PDB file of N, CA and C in Angstrom:
ATOM      1  N   MET A   1       1.146  -9.568   2.026  1.00  0.00           N
ATOM      2  CA  MET A   1      -0.104  -9.677   2.741  1.00  0.00           C
ATOM      3  C   MET A   1      -1.209  -9.018   1.909  1.00  0.00           C
ATOM      4  N   LEU A   2      -1.654  -9.761   0.931  1.00  0.00           N
ATOM      5  CA  LEU A   2      -2.709  -9.270   0.054  1.00  0.00           C
ATOM      6  C   LEU A   2      -4.074  -9.615   0.634  1.00  0.00           C
ATOM      7  N   PRO A   3      -5.076  -8.795   0.354  1.00  0.00           N
ATOM      8  CA  PRO A   3      -6.417  -9.094   0.851  1.00  0.00           C
ATOM      9  C   PRO A   3      -6.953 -10.401   0.264  1.00  0.00           C
ATOM     10  N   LYS A   4      -7.692 -11.110   1.061  1.00  0.00           N
ATOM     11  CA  LYS A   4      -8.272 -12.383   0.641  1.00  0.00           C
ATOM     12  C   LYS A   4      -9.183 -12.214  -0.577  1.00  0.00           C
ATOM     13  N   CYS A   5      -9.849 -11.081  -0.673  1.00  0.00           N
ATOM     14  CA  CYS A   5     -10.736 -10.854  -1.823  1.00  0.00           C
ATOM     15  C   CYS A   5      -9.957 -10.798  -3.134  1.00  0.00           C
ATOM     16  N   VAL A   6      -8.661 -10.528  -3.067  1.00  0.00           N
ATOM     17  CA  VAL A   6      -7.818 -10.544  -4.264  1.00  0.00           C
ATOM     18  C   VAL A   6      -7.222 -11.932  -4.459  1.00  0.00           C
ATOM     19  N   THR A   7      -6.647 -12.486  -3.423  1.00  0.00           N
ATOM     20  CA  THR A   7      -5.944 -13.766  -3.563  1.00  0.00           C
ATOM     21  C   THR A   7      -6.871 -14.922  -3.902  1.00  0.00           C
ATOM     22  N   ASP A   8      -8.117 -14.852  -3.467  1.00  0.00           N
ATOM     23  CA  ASP A   8      -9.056 -15.945  -3.743  1.00  0.00           C
ATOM     24  C   ASP A   8      -9.395 -16.095  -5.224  1.00  0.00           C
ATOM     25  N   LYS A   9      -9.123 -15.077  -6.019  1.00  0.00           N
ATOM     26  CA  LYS A   9      -9.446 -15.114  -7.449  1.00  0.00           C
ATOM     27  C   LYS A   9      -8.424 -15.895  -8.269  1.00  0.00           C
ATOM     28  N   TYR A  10      -7.257 -16.159  -7.704  1.00  0.00           N
ATOM     29  CA  TYR A  10      -6.146 -16.705  -8.482  1.00  0.00           C
ATOM     30  C   TYR A  10      -5.691 -18.055  -7.935  1.00  0.00           C
ATOM     31  N   PRO A  11      -5.126 -18.884  -8.812  1.00  0.00           N
ATOM     32  CA  PRO A  11      -4.602 -20.174  -8.342  1.00  0.00           C
ATOM     33  C   PRO A  11      -3.420 -19.972  -7.392  1.00  0.00           C
ATOM     34  N   LYS A  12      -3.198 -20.933  -6.538  1.00  0.00           N
ATOM     35  CA  LYS A  12      -2.109 -20.859  -5.553  1.00  0.00           C
ATOM     36  C   LYS A  12      -0.802 -21.350  -6.191  1.00  0.00           C
ATOM     37  N   THR A  13      -0.404 -20.648  -7.233  1.00  0.00           N
ATOM     38  CA  THR A  13       0.840 -20.922  -7.940  1.00  0.00           C
ATOM     39  C   THR A  13       1.651 -19.638  -7.956  1.00  0.00           C
ATOM     40  N   LEU A  14       2.907 -19.719  -8.376  1.00  0.00           N
ATOM     41  CA  LEU A  14       3.720 -18.511  -8.486  1.00  0.00           C
ATOM     42  C   LEU A  14       3.080 -17.517  -9.448  1.00  0.00           C
ATOM     43  N   GLU A  15       2.565 -18.020 -10.551  1.00  0.00           N
ATOM     44  CA  GLU A  15       1.919 -17.154 -11.531  1.00  0.00           C
ATOM     45  C   GLU A  15       0.652 -16.523 -10.967  1.00  0.00           C
ATOM     46  N   GLY A  16      -0.112 -17.317 -10.220  1.00  0.00           N
ATOM     47  CA  GLY A  16      -1.331 -16.799  -9.609  1.00  0.00           C
ATOM     48  C   GLY A  16      -1.049 -15.720  -8.584  1.00  0.00           C
ATOM     49  N   VAL A  17      -0.032 -15.934  -7.770  1.00  0.00           N
ATOM     50  CA  VAL A  17       0.349 -14.926  -6.780  1.00  0.00           C
ATOM     51  C   VAL A  17       0.793 -13.646  -7.476  1.00  0.00           C
ATOM     52  N   ALA A  18       1.574 -13.797  -8.546  1.00  0.00           N
ATOM     53  CA  ALA A  18       2.037 -12.626  -9.294  1.00  0.00           C
ATOM     54  C   ALA A  18       0.856 -11.835  -9.854  1.00  0.00           C
ATOM     55  N   GLU A  19      -0.136 -12.525 -10.393  1.00  0.00           N
ATOM     56  CA  GLU A  19      -1.326 -11.845 -10.925  1.00  0.00           C
ATOM     57  C   GLU A  19      -2.081 -11.117  -9.816  1.00  0.00           C
ATOM     58  N   ALA A  20      -2.169 -11.742  -8.646  1.00  0.00           N
ATOM     59  CA  ALA A  20      -2.834 -11.099  -7.509  1.00  0.00           C
ATOM     60  C   ALA A  20      -2.081  -9.839  -7.089  1.00  0.00           C
ATOM     61  N   ILE A  21      -0.764  -9.909  -7.076  1.00  0.00           N
ATOM     62  CA  ILE A  21       0.058  -8.743  -6.717  1.00  0.00           C
ATOM     63  C   ILE A  21      -0.182  -7.609  -7.710  1.00  0.00           C
ATOM     64  N   ILE A  22      -0.182  -7.947  -8.990  1.00  0.00           N
ATOM     65  CA  ILE A  22      -0.399  -6.921 -10.016  1.00  0.00           C
ATOM     66  C   ILE A  22      -1.771  -6.270  -9.839  1.00  0.00           C
ATOM     67  N   GLU A  23      -2.805  -7.072  -9.654  1.00  0.00           N
ATOM     68  CA  GLU A  23      -4.149  -6.512  -9.470  1.00  0.00           C
ATOM     69  C   GLU A  23      -4.194  -5.577  -8.266  1.00  0.00           C
ATOM     70  N   PHE A  24      -3.638  -6.030  -7.150  1.00  0.00           N
ATOM     71  CA  PHE A  24      -3.657  -5.227  -5.927  1.00  0.00           C
ATOM     72  C   PHE A  24      -2.863  -3.932  -6.115  1.00  0.00           C
ATOM     73  N   ASN A  25      -1.667  -4.039  -6.691  1.00  0.00           N
ATOM     74  CA  ASN A  25      -0.844  -2.853  -6.889  1.00  0.00           C
ATOM     75  C   ASN A  25      -1.507  -1.847  -7.819  1.00  0.00           C
ATOM     76  N   LYS A  26      -2.122  -2.331  -8.879  1.00  0.00           N
ATOM     77  CA  LYS A  26      -2.801  -1.428  -9.797  1.00  0.00           C
ATOM     78  C   LYS A  26      -3.950  -0.705  -9.093  1.00  0.00           C
ATOM     79  N   SER A  27      -4.655  -1.418  -8.224  1.00  0.00           N
ATOM     80  CA  SER A  27      -5.755  -0.760  -7.512  1.00  0.00           C
ATOM     81  C   SER A  27      -5.225   0.318  -6.571  1.00  0.00           C
ATOM     82  N   LEU A  28      -4.085   0.063  -5.931  1.00  0.00           N
ATOM     83  CA  LEU A  28      -3.472   1.083  -5.067  1.00  0.00           C
ATOM     84  C   LEU A  28      -3.010   2.285  -5.883  1.00  0.00           C
ATOM     85  N   ILE A  29      -2.374   2.011  -7.005  1.00  0.00           N
ATOM     86  CA  ILE A  29      -1.898   3.096  -7.868  1.00  0.00           C
ATOM     87  C   ILE A  29      -3.075   3.917  -8.377  1.00  0.00           C
ATOM     88  N   ASP A  30      -4.122   3.252  -8.838  1.00  0.00           N
ATOM     89  CA  ASP A  30      -5.304   3.963  -9.338  1.00  0.00           C
ATOM     90  C   ASP A  30      -5.916   4.860  -8.267  1.00  0.00           C
ATOM     91  N   ALA A  31      -5.896   4.400  -7.029  1.00  0.00           N
ATOM     92  CA  ALA A  31      -6.509   5.155  -5.937  1.00  0.00           C
ATOM     93  C   ALA A  31      -5.645   6.318  -5.447  1.00  0.00           C
ATOM     94  N   THR A  32      -4.356   6.311  -5.789  1.00  0.00           N
ATOM     95  CA  THR A  32      -3.457   7.301  -5.177  1.00  0.00           C
ATOM     96  C   THR A  32      -2.630   8.146  -6.136  1.00  0.00           C
ATOM     97  N   TYR A  33      -2.568   7.798  -7.410  1.00  0.00           N
ATOM     98  CA  TYR A  33      -1.608   8.474  -8.293  1.00  0.00           C
ATOM     99  C   TYR A  33      -1.834   9.981  -8.416  1.00  0.00           C
ATOM    100  N   GLU A  34      -3.041  10.452  -8.175  1.00  0.00           N
ATOM    101  CA  GLU A  34      -3.311  11.887  -8.271  1.00  0.00           C
ATOM    102  C   GLU A  34      -2.854  12.659  -7.038  1.00  0.00           C
ATOM    103  N   ILE A  35      -2.566  11.957  -5.949  1.00  0.00           N
ATOM    104  CA  ILE A  35      -2.168  12.651  -4.720  1.00  0.00           C
ATOM    105  C   ILE A  35      -0.794  12.231  -4.187  1.00  0.00           C
ATOM    106  N   ILE A  36      -0.258  11.134  -4.695  1.00  0.00           N
ATOM    107  CA  ILE A  36       1.050  10.649  -4.262  1.00  0.00           C
ATOM    108  C   ILE A  36       1.972  10.633  -5.481  1.00  0.00           C
ATOM    109  N   PRO A  37       3.132  11.287  -5.394  1.00  0.00           N
ATOM    110  CA  PRO A  37       3.979  11.398  -6.579  1.00  0.00           C
ATOM    111  C   PRO A  37       4.836  10.185  -6.904  1.00  0.00           C
ATOM    112  N   ALA A  38       5.029   9.282  -5.949  1.00  0.00           N
ATOM    113  CA  ALA A  38       5.991   8.200  -6.180  1.00  0.00           C
ATOM    114  C   ALA A  38       5.597   6.927  -5.449  1.00  0.00           C
ATOM    115  N   ILE A  39       6.147   5.809  -5.951  1.00  0.00           N
ATOM    116  CA  ILE A  39       6.061   4.535  -5.238  1.00  0.00           C
ATOM    117  C   ILE A  39       7.480   4.018  -5.033  1.00  0.00           C
ATOM    118  N   LYS A  40       7.644   3.147  -4.043  1.00  0.00           N
ATOM    119  CA  LYS A  40       8.957   2.572  -3.754  1.00  0.00           C
ATOM    120  C   LYS A  40       8.780   1.086  -3.453  1.00  0.00           C
ATOM    121  N   PRO A  41       8.592   0.280  -4.509  1.00  0.00           N
ATOM    122  CA  PRO A  41       8.395  -1.151  -4.284  1.00  0.00           C
ATOM    123  C   PRO A  41       9.680  -1.830  -3.806  1.00  0.00           C
ATOM    124  N   GLN A  42       9.557  -2.697  -2.816  1.00  0.00           N
ATOM    125  CA  GLN A  42      10.684  -3.450  -2.253  1.00  0.00           C
ATOM    126  C   GLN A  42      10.831  -4.744  -3.047  1.00  0.00           C
ATOM    127  N   ILE A  43      11.901  -4.842  -3.808  1.00  0.00           N
ATOM    128  CA  ILE A  43      12.069  -5.938  -4.748  1.00  0.00           C
ATOM    129  C   ILE A  43      12.149  -7.315  -4.074  1.00  0.00           C
ATOM    130  N   ALA A  44      12.603  -7.388  -2.841  1.00  0.00           N
ATOM    131  CA  ALA A  44      12.710  -8.683  -2.161  1.00  0.00           C
ATOM    132  C   ALA A  44      11.356  -9.381  -2.075  1.00  0.00           C
ATOM    133  N   PHE A  45      10.293  -8.599  -1.940  1.00  0.00           N
ATOM    134  CA  PHE A  45       8.963  -9.189  -1.827  1.00  0.00           C
ATOM    135  C   PHE A  45       8.426  -9.684  -3.168  1.00  0.00           C
ATOM    136  N   TYR A  46       9.062  -9.306  -4.248  1.00  0.00           N
ATOM    137  CA  TYR A  46       8.721  -9.801  -5.579  1.00  0.00           C
ATOM    138  C   TYR A  46       9.617 -10.986  -5.944  1.00  0.00           C
ATOM    139  N   GLU A  47      10.910 -10.870  -5.635  1.00  0.00           N
ATOM    140  CA  GLU A  47      11.876 -11.922  -5.969  1.00  0.00           C
ATOM    141  C   GLU A  47      11.523 -13.257  -5.329  1.00  0.00           C
ATOM    142  N   MET A  48      10.872 -13.208  -4.184  1.00  0.00           N
ATOM    143  CA  MET A  48      10.545 -14.459  -3.499  1.00  0.00           C
ATOM    144  C   MET A  48       9.576 -15.325  -4.308  1.00  0.00           C
ATOM    145  N   TYR A  49       8.953 -14.741  -5.337  1.00  0.00           N
ATOM    146  CA  TYR A  49       8.047 -15.491  -6.210  1.00  0.00           C
ATOM    147  C   TYR A  49       8.685 -15.798  -7.561  1.00  0.00           C
ATOM    148  N   GLY A  50      10.003 -15.727  -7.628  1.00  0.00           N
ATOM    149  CA  GLY A  50      10.739 -16.113  -8.828  1.00  0.00           C
ATOM    150  C   GLY A  50      10.446 -15.221 -10.018  1.00  0.00           C
ATOM    151  N   ILE A  51      10.543 -15.808 -11.201  1.00  0.00           N
ATOM    152  CA  ILE A  51      10.328 -15.055 -12.448  1.00  0.00           C
ATOM    153  C   ILE A  51       8.939 -14.405 -12.490  1.00  0.00           C
ATOM    154  N   PRO A  52       7.868 -15.114 -12.095  1.00  0.00           N
ATOM    155  CA  PRO A  52       6.560 -14.456 -12.096  1.00  0.00           C
ATOM    156  C   PRO A  52       6.537 -13.230 -11.171  1.00  0.00           C
ATOM    157  N   GLY A  53       7.212 -13.315 -10.048  1.00  0.00           N
ATOM    158  CA  GLY A  53       7.288 -12.169  -9.143  1.00  0.00           C
ATOM    159  C   GLY A  53       8.029 -10.997  -9.755  1.00  0.00           C
ATOM    160  N   MET A  54       9.103 -11.298 -10.476  1.00  0.00           N
ATOM    161  CA  MET A  54       9.854 -10.227 -11.138  1.00  0.00           C
ATOM    162  C   MET A  54       9.027  -9.585 -12.251  1.00  0.00           C
ATOM    163  N   LYS A  55       8.213 -10.394 -12.908  1.00  0.00           N
ATOM    164  CA  LYS A  55       7.305  -9.836 -13.922  1.00  0.00           C
ATOM    165  C   LYS A  55       6.276  -8.918 -13.252  1.00  0.00           C
ATOM    166  N   ALA A  56       5.818  -9.295 -12.066  1.00  0.00           N
ATOM    167  CA  ALA A  56       4.881  -8.455 -11.319  1.00  0.00           C
ATOM    168  C   ALA A  56       5.550  -7.140 -10.918  1.00  0.00           C
ATOM    169  N   PHE A  57       6.814  -7.205 -10.522  1.00  0.00           N
ATOM    170  CA  PHE A  57       7.570  -5.995 -10.187  1.00  0.00           C
ATOM    171  C   PHE A  57       7.653  -5.085 -11.413  1.00  0.00           C
ATOM    172  N   LYS A  58       8.023  -5.654 -12.547  1.00  0.00           N
ATOM    173  CA  LYS A  58       8.158  -4.885 -13.781  1.00  0.00           C
ATOM    174  C   LYS A  58       6.826  -4.253 -14.183  1.00  0.00           C
ATOM    175  N   GLU A  59       5.747  -5.023 -14.104  1.00  0.00           N
ATOM    176  CA  GLU A  59       4.426  -4.513 -14.480  1.00  0.00           C
ATOM    177  C   GLU A  59       3.971  -3.418 -13.513  1.00  0.00           C
ATOM    178  N   THR A  60       4.249  -3.586 -12.236  1.00  0.00           N
ATOM    179  CA  THR A  60       3.907  -2.559 -11.252  1.00  0.00           C
ATOM    180  C   THR A  60       4.633  -1.257 -11.576  1.00  0.00           C
ATOM    181  N   CYS A  61       5.924  -1.342 -11.850  1.00  0.00           N
ATOM    182  CA  CYS A  61       6.720  -0.151 -12.183  1.00  0.00           C
ATOM    183  C   CYS A  61       6.225   0.498 -13.464  1.00  0.00           C
ATOM    184  N   ARG A  62       5.951  -0.328 -14.479  1.00  0.00           N
ATOM    185  CA  ARG A  62       5.459   0.191 -15.750  1.00  0.00           C
ATOM    186  C   ARG A  62       4.137   0.925 -15.575  1.00  0.00           C
ATOM    187  N   TYR A  63       3.235   0.315 -14.817  1.00  0.00           N
ATOM    188  CA  TYR A  63       1.913   0.900 -14.626  1.00  0.00           C
ATOM    189  C   TYR A  63       2.000   2.225 -13.867  1.00  0.00           C
ATOM    190  N   ALA A  64       2.828   2.266 -12.836  1.00  0.00           N
ATOM    191  CA  ALA A  64       2.988   3.507 -12.066  1.00  0.00           C
ATOM    192  C   ALA A  64       3.559   4.620 -12.948  1.00  0.00           C
ATOM    193  N   LYS A  65       4.542   4.287 -13.769  1.00  0.00           N
ATOM    194  CA  LYS A  65       5.124   5.290 -14.679  1.00  0.00           C
ATOM    195  C   LYS A  65       4.077   5.776 -15.684  1.00  0.00           C
ATOM    196  N   GLU A  66       3.254   4.840 -16.171  1.00  0.00           N
ATOM    197  CA  GLU A  66       2.189   5.197 -17.109  1.00  0.00           C
ATOM    198  C   GLU A  66       1.236   6.218 -16.487  1.00  0.00           C
ATOM    199  N   LYS A  67       1.049   6.128 -15.182  1.00  0.00           N
ATOM    200  CA  LYS A  67       0.170   7.052 -14.460  1.00  0.00           C
ATOM    201  C   LYS A  67       0.895   8.335 -14.047  1.00  0.00           C
ATOM    202  N   GLY A  68       2.163   8.464 -14.457  1.00  0.00           N
ATOM    203  CA  GLY A  68       2.912   9.677 -14.168  1.00  0.00           C
ATOM    204  C   GLY A  68       3.643   9.681 -12.837  1.00  0.00           C
ATOM    205  N   MET A  69       3.727   8.520 -12.196  1.00  0.00           N
ATOM    206  CA  MET A  69       4.393   8.439 -10.896  1.00  0.00           C
ATOM    207  C   MET A  69       5.897   8.215 -11.072  1.00  0.00           C
ATOM    208  N   ILE A  70       6.649   8.637 -10.084  1.00  0.00           N
ATOM    209  CA  ILE A  70       8.069   8.335  -9.994  1.00  0.00           C
ATOM    210  C   ILE A  70       8.183   6.966  -9.333  1.00  0.00           C
ATOM    211  N   VAL A  71       9.080   6.131  -9.847  1.00  0.00           N
ATOM    212  CA  VAL A  71       9.295   4.810  -9.267  1.00  0.00           C
ATOM    213  C   VAL A  71      10.715   4.754  -8.708  1.00  0.00           C
ATOM    214  N   ILE A  72      10.810   4.448  -7.425  1.00  0.00           N
ATOM    215  CA  ILE A  72      12.097   4.284  -6.760  1.00  0.00           C
ATOM    216  C   ILE A  72      12.189   2.815  -6.367  1.00  0.00           C
ATOM    217  N   ALA A  73      13.057   2.080  -7.026  1.00  0.00           N
ATOM    218  CA  ALA A  73      13.193   0.651  -6.719  1.00  0.00           C
ATOM    219  C   ALA A  73      14.026   0.484  -5.452  1.00  0.00           C
ATOM    220  N   ASP A  74      13.455  -0.155  -4.465  1.00  0.00           N
ATOM    221  CA  ASP A  74      14.144  -0.428  -3.203  1.00  0.00           C
ATOM    222  C   ASP A  74      14.775  -1.806  -3.328  1.00  0.00           C
ATOM    223  N   ILE A  75      16.076  -1.852  -3.604  1.00  0.00           N
ATOM    224  CA  ILE A  75      16.729  -3.133  -3.882  1.00  0.00           C
ATOM    225  C   ILE A  75      17.835  -3.482  -2.894  1.00  0.00           C
ATOM    226  N   LYS A  76      17.879  -2.812  -1.753  1.00  0.00           N
ATOM    227  CA  LYS A  76      18.908  -3.161  -0.770  1.00  0.00           C
ATOM    228  C   LYS A  76      18.515  -4.430  -0.024  1.00  0.00           C
ATOM    229  N   ARG A  77      19.467  -5.024   0.655  1.00  0.00           N
ATOM    230  CA  ARG A  77      19.240  -6.283   1.373  1.00  0.00           C
ATOM    231  C   ARG A  77      19.743  -6.202   2.801  1.00  0.00           C
ATOM    232  N   GLY A  78      19.028  -6.874   3.683  1.00  0.00           N
ATOM    233  CA  GLY A  78      19.477  -7.062   5.051  1.00  0.00           C
ATOM    234  C   GLY A  78      19.414  -5.836   5.937  1.00  0.00           C
ATOM    235  N   ASP A  79      18.800  -4.752   5.458  1.00  0.00           N
ATOM    236  CA  ASP A  79      18.753  -3.540   6.260  1.00  0.00           C
ATOM    237  C   ASP A  79      17.693  -3.619   7.357  1.00  0.00           C
ATOM    238  N   ILE A  80      16.641  -4.402   7.106  1.00  0.00           N
ATOM    239  CA  ILE A  80      15.607  -4.632   8.117  1.00  0.00           C
ATOM    240  C   ILE A  80      15.235  -6.112   8.089  1.00  0.00           C
ATOM    241  N   GLY A  81      14.645  -6.570   9.146  1.00  0.00           N
ATOM    242  CA  GLY A  81      14.345  -7.994   9.280  1.00  0.00           C
ATOM    243  C   GLY A  81      13.494  -8.575   8.173  1.00  0.00           C
ATOM    244  N   SER A  82      12.477  -7.844   7.720  1.00  0.00           N
ATOM    245  CA  SER A  82      11.568  -8.412   6.724  1.00  0.00           C
ATOM    246  C   SER A  82      12.257  -8.657   5.389  1.00  0.00           C
ATOM    247  N   THR A  83      13.188  -7.805   4.989  1.00  0.00           N
ATOM    248  CA  THR A  83      13.881  -8.044   3.725  1.00  0.00           C
ATOM    249  C   THR A  83      14.997  -9.068   3.888  1.00  0.00           C
ATOM    250  N   ALA A  84      15.554  -9.144   5.070  1.00  0.00           N
ATOM    251  CA  ALA A  84      16.620 -10.127   5.308  1.00  0.00           C
ATOM    252  C   ALA A  84      16.089 -11.555   5.251  1.00  0.00           C
ATOM    253  N   THR A  85      14.806 -11.732   5.517  1.00  0.00           N
ATOM    254  CA  THR A  85      14.216 -13.083   5.515  1.00  0.00           C
ATOM    255  C   THR A  85      13.628 -13.460   4.162  1.00  0.00           C
ATOM    256  N   ARG A  86      13.581 -12.553   3.201  1.00  0.00           N
ATOM    257  CA  ARG A  86      12.992 -12.825   1.893  1.00  0.00           C
ATOM    258  C   ARG A  86      14.075 -13.304   0.930  1.00  0.00           C
ATOM    259  N   ILE A  87      14.530 -14.521   1.153  1.00  0.00           N
ATOM    260  CA  ILE A  87      15.536 -15.117   0.276  1.00  0.00           C
ATOM    261  C   ILE A  87      15.037 -16.457  -0.212  1.00  0.00           C
ATOM    262  N   PHE A  88      15.642 -16.957  -1.266  1.00  0.00           N
ATOM    263  CA  PHE A  88      15.232 -18.257  -1.810  1.00  0.00           C
ATOM    264  C   PHE A  88      15.756 -19.375  -0.952  1.00  0.00           C
TER     265      PHE A  88
END
């Protein structure tokens, strides 16, 4: 659920969605890295966009680490409804 002001900038393709995710995540990291020590991205929400989504996951993790944050990858499945429904 990305803001429309971000999604409107990119084409409605897997690659476009991935770019929107990266932009949004970087803005969140930039706004919080000095006060929040870690992020915990849920991989199911990236995998649903295929290879471009996985690239967005990787770039998000890389960027957070570059800012000195701890990255905890949340890769479990089926523990809550939202991740159980994020399958191909």
